[in-house]
Structures are given as C-alpha cells and as structure tokens.
Amino acid sequence: MKVFLPLGLVALVSVTAAQLAQARDPDGRYANSPLKEWFDGLRSGKGPCCSDADGSAVSDVDWESKDGHYRVRLDGTWIDVPDEAVVTEPNRAGRAMVWPIKSYMGVTIRCFMPGSMT
C-alpha cells in the first residue's frame, strides 16, 4: 500500500502536467495570427495560459463581474473565476476569453481575461 500511493500521485501529476503542456493547434490555424506571440505569453497567477488555441471566447452574456469577482458560464453552468486566474494585462483581443481545465473533478479556470463588453 505504501508503494501504490506515491506511484498514484506521480501518475496523476504526470497526466495533469501533460494536459497543461499540450497546446491545441494541431492544424496550425493560429500560427499566422498577428496576436499569436501575445497570446503565447499570457499569464495569470496560476501560470501560463498557453495560447489562443487553448482558450475560448466568451459572449458578453456568459460572463459577469460582481463585487470585484468574475464568473463565467460554461456549458450552461456558472463557474466562479479564482482571483489568481484573472489576466491583468490589457486585453488586445477585445473579447472575453477563458482557459478552462476539465477533469473528472469538474471544471476549473486556468486563466480568464475580461472583455470590453461592447
């Protein structure tokens, strides 16, 4: 039993790290975007956001700010955005974006960048 617990933890950490490190632009459609370098360098307090290909645009009706905190609606469910997941630099893309991480334990937010709400 003492051997299986550490091995299980190593396996879980390895799978999680592989998912975070794997960028999703298999066909290269974002390779020539003028904002590619900017997206690739985006970070929140939780670390790198990865890229535009990993994030999803969020419609204005699917995100909101209340009492200084954000939340987003993904797949019909409102999810609170942790303060450390908010990207604090100016949004050059204009639209709100979210970088969710989906796992067997639910959805967590890696990065969130508020939009201009226009």
N, C-alpha and C. Protein backbone atom coordinates (compact mmCIF):
# COMPACT_ATOMS: atom_id res chain seq x y z
N MET A 1 0.82 -1.19 0.00
CA MET A 1 0.00 0.00 0.00
C MET A 1 0.87 1.26 0.00
N LYS A 2 1.98 1.23 0.74
CA LYS A 2 2.86 2.38 0.84
C LYS A 2 3.48 2.72 -0.52
N VAL A 3 3.66 1.73 -1.38
CA VAL A 3 4.26 1.95 -2.70
C VAL A 3 3.22 2.48 -3.68
N PHE A 4 1.99 2.01 -3.60
CA PHE A 4 0.96 2.39 -4.57
C PHE A 4 0.53 3.84 -4.46
N LEU A 5 0.45 4.39 -3.26
CA LEU A 5 0.03 5.78 -3.08
C LEU A 5 0.99 6.75 -3.76
N PRO A 6 2.31 6.67 -3.52
CA PRO A 6 3.22 7.59 -4.23
C PRO A 6 3.19 7.40 -5.74
N LEU A 7 3.08 6.15 -6.20
CA LEU A 7 3.02 5.90 -7.64
C LEU A 7 1.75 6.50 -8.25
N GLY A 8 0.65 6.41 -7.52
CA GLY A 8 -0.60 7.00 -8.00
C GLY A 8 -0.51 8.51 -8.08
N LEU A 9 0.11 9.12 -7.09
CA LEU A 9 0.28 10.58 -7.11
C LEU A 9 1.18 11.02 -8.25
N VAL A 10 2.25 10.28 -8.50
CA VAL A 10 3.15 10.60 -9.62
C VAL A 10 2.39 10.50 -10.94
N ALA A 11 1.59 9.46 -11.10
CA ALA A 11 0.81 9.29 -12.33
C ALA A 11 -0.18 10.43 -12.52
N LEU A 12 -0.86 10.83 -11.45
CA LEU A 12 -1.84 11.92 -11.54
C LEU A 12 -1.17 13.23 -11.91
N VAL A 13 -0.05 13.54 -11.29
CA VAL A 13 0.68 14.78 -11.60
C VAL A 13 1.19 14.74 -13.04
N SER A 14 1.68 13.61 -13.49
CA SER A 14 2.19 13.49 -14.86
C SER A 14 1.10 13.72 -15.89
N VAL A 15 -0.06 13.15 -15.69
CA VAL A 15 -1.18 13.33 -16.62
C VAL A 15 -1.63 14.78 -16.64
N THR A 16 -1.74 15.40 -15.48
CA THR A 16 -2.15 16.80 -15.40
C THR A 16 -1.13 17.70 -16.10
N ALA A 17 0.14 17.48 -15.86
CA ALA A 17 1.19 18.30 -16.49
C ALA A 17 1.18 18.13 -18.00
N ALA A 18 0.96 16.93 -18.48
CA ALA A 18 0.92 16.69 -19.92
C ALA A 18 -0.25 17.42 -20.56
N GLN A 19 -1.39 17.46 -19.90
CA GLN A 19 -2.54 18.18 -20.45
C GLN A 19 -2.29 19.67 -20.51
N LEU A 20 -1.64 20.23 -19.49
CA LEU A 20 -1.35 21.66 -19.47
C LEU A 20 -0.30 22.03 -20.52
N ALA A 21 0.66 21.18 -20.74
CA ALA A 21 1.75 21.49 -21.66
C ALA A 21 1.37 21.31 -23.11
N GLN A 22 0.32 20.58 -23.38
CA GLN A 22 -0.06 20.26 -24.74
C GLN A 22 -0.92 21.38 -25.33
N ALA A 23 -0.40 22.08 -26.30
CA ALA A 23 -1.16 23.14 -26.96
C ALA A 23 -2.07 22.53 -28.01
N ARG A 24 -3.25 23.13 -28.19
CA ARG A 24 -4.21 22.57 -29.12
C ARG A 24 -4.30 23.41 -30.38
N ASP A 25 -3.35 23.30 -31.24
CA ASP A 25 -3.38 23.94 -32.54
C ASP A 25 -2.85 22.94 -33.56
N PRO A 26 -3.50 21.77 -33.64
CA PRO A 26 -2.96 20.69 -34.48
C PRO A 26 -2.89 21.03 -35.96
N ASP A 27 -3.78 21.88 -36.44
CA ASP A 27 -3.75 22.19 -37.87
C ASP A 27 -3.06 23.51 -38.18
N GLY A 28 -2.54 24.21 -37.15
CA GLY A 28 -1.77 25.42 -37.36
C GLY A 28 -2.57 26.64 -37.77
N ARG A 29 -3.87 26.64 -37.53
CA ARG A 29 -4.70 27.77 -37.98
C ARG A 29 -4.38 29.08 -37.28
N TYR A 30 -3.76 29.02 -36.09
CA TYR A 30 -3.44 30.25 -35.36
C TYR A 30 -1.98 30.67 -35.53
N ALA A 31 -1.21 29.91 -36.30
CA ALA A 31 0.23 30.15 -36.44
C ALA A 31 0.54 31.53 -37.03
N ASN A 32 -0.32 32.05 -37.89
CA ASN A 32 -0.06 33.32 -38.55
C ASN A 32 -0.85 34.49 -37.96
N SER A 33 -1.47 34.29 -36.83
CA SER A 33 -2.23 35.35 -36.19
C SER A 33 -1.28 36.45 -35.73
N PRO A 34 -1.63 37.73 -35.98
CA PRO A 34 -0.77 38.82 -35.51
C PRO A 34 -0.68 38.89 -33.98
N LEU A 35 -1.61 38.26 -33.28
CA LEU A 35 -1.59 38.27 -31.81
C LEU A 35 -1.01 36.98 -31.22
N LYS A 36 -0.48 36.10 -32.06
CA LYS A 36 0.00 34.80 -31.58
C LYS A 36 1.03 34.93 -30.46
N GLU A 37 2.06 35.75 -30.65
CA GLU A 37 3.09 35.90 -29.62
C GLU A 37 2.50 36.46 -28.32
N TRP A 38 1.57 37.40 -28.46
CA TRP A 38 0.94 37.97 -27.27
C TRP A 38 0.16 36.90 -26.52
N PHE A 39 -0.66 36.12 -27.26
CA PHE A 39 -1.42 35.04 -26.63
C PHE A 39 -0.49 34.03 -25.97
N ASP A 40 0.58 33.66 -26.67
CA ASP A 40 1.51 32.66 -26.14
C ASP A 40 2.18 33.13 -24.85
N GLY A 41 2.28 34.44 -24.64
CA GLY A 41 2.91 34.96 -23.44
C GLY A 41 1.96 35.31 -22.31
N LEU A 42 0.65 35.14 -22.52
CA LEU A 42 -0.31 35.48 -21.47
C LEU A 42 -0.13 34.60 -20.25
N ARG A 43 -0.25 35.22 -19.08
CA ARG A 43 -0.11 34.52 -17.80
C ARG A 43 -1.14 35.05 -16.81
N SER A 44 -1.54 34.18 -15.93
CA SER A 44 -2.33 34.59 -14.77
C SER A 44 -1.51 34.22 -13.54
N GLY A 45 -2.06 34.42 -12.38
CA GLY A 45 -1.38 34.00 -11.17
C GLY A 45 -1.23 32.49 -11.06
N LYS A 46 -1.94 31.76 -11.92
CA LYS A 46 -1.85 30.30 -11.94
C LYS A 46 -0.81 29.80 -12.95
N GLY A 47 -0.20 30.73 -13.69
CA GLY A 47 0.83 30.33 -14.66
C GLY A 47 0.42 30.70 -16.08
N PRO A 48 1.14 30.14 -17.07
CA PRO A 48 0.86 30.46 -18.47
C PRO A 48 -0.54 30.01 -18.90
N CYS A 49 -1.15 30.81 -19.75
CA CYS A 49 -2.47 30.45 -20.27
C CYS A 49 -2.35 29.52 -21.48
N CYS A 50 -1.21 29.39 -22.05
CA CYS A 50 -0.87 28.53 -23.19
C CYS A 50 -0.98 29.27 -24.51
N SER A 51 -2.16 29.43 -25.08
CA SER A 51 -2.26 30.14 -26.35
C SER A 51 -3.72 30.43 -26.66
N ASP A 52 -3.94 31.14 -27.77
CA ASP A 52 -5.29 31.43 -28.25
C ASP A 52 -6.02 30.13 -28.56
N ALA A 53 -5.31 29.15 -29.10
CA ALA A 53 -5.94 27.89 -29.48
C ALA A 53 -6.50 27.14 -28.28
N ASP A 54 -5.94 27.36 -27.10
CA ASP A 54 -6.39 26.67 -25.90
C ASP A 54 -7.54 27.39 -25.20
N GLY A 55 -7.68 28.68 -25.47
CA GLY A 55 -8.73 29.46 -24.84
C GLY A 55 -10.00 29.46 -25.67
N SER A 56 -11.08 29.90 -25.05
CA SER A 56 -12.37 30.00 -25.72
C SER A 56 -12.92 31.41 -25.53
N ALA A 57 -13.43 31.99 -26.60
CA ALA A 57 -14.08 33.29 -26.49
C ALA A 57 -15.39 33.11 -25.72
N VAL A 58 -15.72 34.11 -24.91
CA VAL A 58 -16.93 34.06 -24.10
C VAL A 58 -17.81 35.25 -24.49
N SER A 59 -19.06 34.98 -24.83
CA SER A 59 -20.00 36.05 -25.17
C SER A 59 -20.25 36.93 -23.95
N ASP A 60 -20.60 38.18 -24.19
CA ASP A 60 -20.84 39.11 -23.08
C ASP A 60 -21.90 38.61 -22.10
N VAL A 61 -22.89 37.87 -22.59
CA VAL A 61 -23.95 37.37 -21.70
C VAL A 61 -23.48 36.18 -20.86
N ASP A 62 -22.29 35.64 -21.17
CA ASP A 62 -21.80 34.46 -20.47
C ASP A 62 -20.65 34.75 -19.50
N TRP A 63 -20.46 36.02 -19.16
CA TRP A 63 -19.52 36.36 -18.10
C TRP A 63 -19.98 37.63 -17.42
N GLU A 64 -19.62 37.76 -16.16
CA GLU A 64 -20.02 38.95 -15.43
C GLU A 64 -19.07 39.22 -14.28
N SER A 65 -19.12 40.45 -13.80
CA SER A 65 -18.34 40.87 -12.65
C SER A 65 -19.30 41.33 -11.57
N LYS A 66 -19.10 40.83 -10.37
CA LYS A 66 -19.95 41.23 -9.25
C LYS A 66 -19.08 41.31 -8.00
N ASP A 67 -19.14 42.43 -7.32
CA ASP A 67 -18.37 42.64 -6.10
C ASP A 67 -16.87 42.41 -6.31
N GLY A 68 -16.37 42.78 -7.49
CA GLY A 68 -14.94 42.67 -7.77
C GLY A 68 -14.46 41.28 -8.17
N HIS A 69 -15.38 40.35 -8.40
CA HIS A 69 -15.01 38.98 -8.79
C HIS A 69 -15.75 38.63 -10.08
N TYR A 70 -15.13 37.75 -10.86
CA TYR A 70 -15.72 37.32 -12.13
C TYR A 70 -16.31 35.93 -12.01
N ARG A 71 -17.24 35.67 -12.92
CA ARG A 71 -17.73 34.31 -13.12
C ARG A 71 -18.09 34.16 -14.59
N VAL A 72 -18.01 32.93 -15.09
CA VAL A 72 -18.30 32.63 -16.49
C VAL A 72 -19.29 31.49 -16.56
N ARG A 73 -20.05 31.49 -17.65
CA ARG A 73 -20.99 30.39 -17.88
C ARG A 73 -20.41 29.49 -18.96
N LEU A 74 -20.13 28.24 -18.57
CA LEU A 74 -19.62 27.25 -19.50
C LEU A 74 -20.56 26.05 -19.50
N ASP A 75 -20.99 25.66 -20.68
CA ASP A 75 -21.92 24.53 -20.81
C ASP A 75 -23.14 24.69 -19.92
N GLY A 76 -23.64 25.94 -19.79
CA GLY A 76 -24.85 26.22 -19.04
C GLY A 76 -24.68 26.35 -17.54
N THR A 77 -23.45 26.23 -17.04
CA THR A 77 -23.19 26.31 -15.60
C THR A 77 -22.29 27.50 -15.29
N TRP A 78 -22.68 28.29 -14.28
CA TRP A 78 -21.86 29.42 -13.86
C TRP A 78 -20.72 28.91 -12.99
N ILE A 79 -19.50 29.37 -13.31
CA ILE A 79 -18.31 28.97 -12.57
C ILE A 79 -17.60 30.23 -12.08
N ASP A 80 -17.31 30.27 -10.78
CA ASP A 80 -16.56 31.40 -10.23
C ASP A 80 -15.12 31.34 -10.72
N VAL A 81 -14.61 32.49 -11.14
CA VAL A 81 -13.22 32.59 -11.58
C VAL A 81 -12.36 32.93 -10.37
N PRO A 82 -11.38 32.09 -10.05
CA PRO A 82 -10.49 32.44 -8.93
C PRO A 82 -9.75 33.75 -9.24
N ASP A 83 -9.57 34.58 -8.24
CA ASP A 83 -8.89 35.86 -8.45
C ASP A 83 -7.52 35.67 -9.09
N GLU A 84 -6.80 34.61 -8.71
CA GLU A 84 -5.47 34.39 -9.26
C GLU A 84 -5.49 33.94 -10.73
N ALA A 85 -6.66 33.59 -11.26
CA ALA A 85 -6.77 33.16 -12.66
C ALA A 85 -7.02 34.33 -13.61
N VAL A 86 -7.25 35.53 -13.09
CA VAL A 86 -7.56 36.69 -13.93
C VAL A 86 -6.27 37.24 -14.54
N VAL A 87 -6.28 37.39 -15.86
CA VAL A 87 -5.17 38.01 -16.58
C VAL A 87 -5.31 39.52 -16.39
N THR A 88 -4.28 40.15 -15.87
CA THR A 88 -4.39 41.56 -15.50
C THR A 88 -3.88 42.53 -16.56
N GLU A 89 -3.22 42.03 -17.59
CA GLU A 89 -2.74 42.96 -18.62
C GLU A 89 -3.88 43.33 -19.57
N PRO A 90 -3.75 44.46 -20.28
CA PRO A 90 -4.82 44.90 -21.19
C PRO A 90 -5.16 43.83 -22.23
N ASN A 91 -6.44 43.73 -22.52
CA ASN A 91 -6.95 42.74 -23.47
C ASN A 91 -6.81 43.26 -24.90
N ARG A 92 -5.82 42.79 -25.62
CA ARG A 92 -5.60 43.22 -27.01
C ARG A 92 -6.55 42.54 -27.98
N ALA A 93 -7.19 41.45 -27.58
CA ALA A 93 -8.12 40.74 -28.46
C ALA A 93 -9.51 41.37 -28.42
N GLY A 94 -9.84 42.07 -27.33
CA GLY A 94 -11.13 42.74 -27.20
C GLY A 94 -12.22 41.87 -26.61
N ARG A 95 -12.27 40.62 -26.95
CA ARG A 95 -13.33 39.72 -26.46
C ARG A 95 -12.88 39.02 -25.18
N ALA A 96 -13.83 38.70 -24.34
CA ALA A 96 -13.52 37.94 -23.13
C ALA A 96 -13.09 36.53 -23.52
N MET A 97 -12.11 36.00 -22.79
CA MET A 97 -11.64 34.65 -23.08
C MET A 97 -11.43 33.90 -21.78
N VAL A 98 -11.60 32.60 -21.85
CA VAL A 98 -11.41 31.73 -20.69
C VAL A 98 -10.62 30.50 -21.13
N TRP A 99 -9.75 30.06 -20.23
CA TRP A 99 -8.97 28.86 -20.43
C TRP A 99 -9.38 27.86 -19.36
N PRO A 100 -10.41 27.03 -19.64
CA PRO A 100 -10.87 26.07 -18.62
C PRO A 100 -10.04 24.80 -18.64
N ILE A 101 -9.99 24.15 -17.50
CA ILE A 101 -9.38 22.83 -17.39
C ILE A 101 -10.49 21.89 -16.93
N LYS A 102 -10.80 20.93 -17.78
CA LYS A 102 -11.87 19.97 -17.45
C LYS A 102 -11.23 18.67 -16.99
N SER A 103 -11.71 18.18 -15.85
CA SER A 103 -11.21 16.93 -15.32
C SER A 103 -12.37 16.15 -14.71
N TYR A 104 -12.07 15.00 -14.19
CA TYR A 104 -13.11 14.19 -13.57
C TYR A 104 -13.67 14.87 -12.32
N MET A 105 -12.95 15.85 -11.78
CA MET A 105 -13.41 16.56 -10.58
C MET A 105 -14.22 17.80 -10.94
N GLY A 106 -14.41 18.07 -12.23
CA GLY A 106 -15.17 19.24 -12.65
C GLY A 106 -14.32 20.19 -13.48
N VAL A 107 -14.78 21.42 -13.58
CA VAL A 107 -14.10 22.42 -14.39
C VAL A 107 -13.46 23.46 -13.47
N THR A 108 -12.20 23.76 -13.72
CA THR A 108 -11.53 24.85 -13.04
C THR A 108 -11.06 25.84 -14.10
N ILE A 109 -10.80 27.05 -13.70
CA ILE A 109 -10.39 28.08 -14.64
C ILE A 109 -8.90 28.34 -14.46
N ARG A 110 -8.13 28.13 -15.52
CA ARG A 110 -6.69 28.38 -15.51
C ARG A 110 -6.41 29.87 -15.69
N CYS A 111 -7.11 30.46 -16.67
CA CYS A 111 -6.97 31.88 -16.97
C CYS A 111 -8.31 32.44 -17.40
N PHE A 112 -8.54 33.70 -17.09
CA PHE A 112 -9.71 34.42 -17.58
C PHE A 112 -9.29 35.85 -17.89
N MET A 113 -9.69 36.31 -19.07
CA MET A 113 -9.37 37.66 -19.50
C MET A 113 -10.68 38.36 -19.82
N PRO A 114 -11.07 39.36 -19.01
CA PRO A 114 -12.33 40.07 -19.27
C PRO A 114 -12.29 40.80 -20.61
N GLY A 115 -13.46 40.91 -21.21
CA GLY A 115 -13.58 41.61 -22.48
C GLY A 115 -14.01 43.05 -22.30
N SER A 116 -14.28 43.69 -23.41
CA SER A 116 -14.65 45.11 -23.38
C SER A 116 -16.15 45.33 -23.18
N MET A 117 -16.94 44.26 -23.26
CA MET A 117 -18.40 44.32 -23.10
C MET A 117 -19.04 45.35 -24.04
N THR A 118 -18.69 45.25 -25.33
CA THR A 118 -19.27 46.16 -26.31
C THR A 118 -20.39 45.50 -27.07
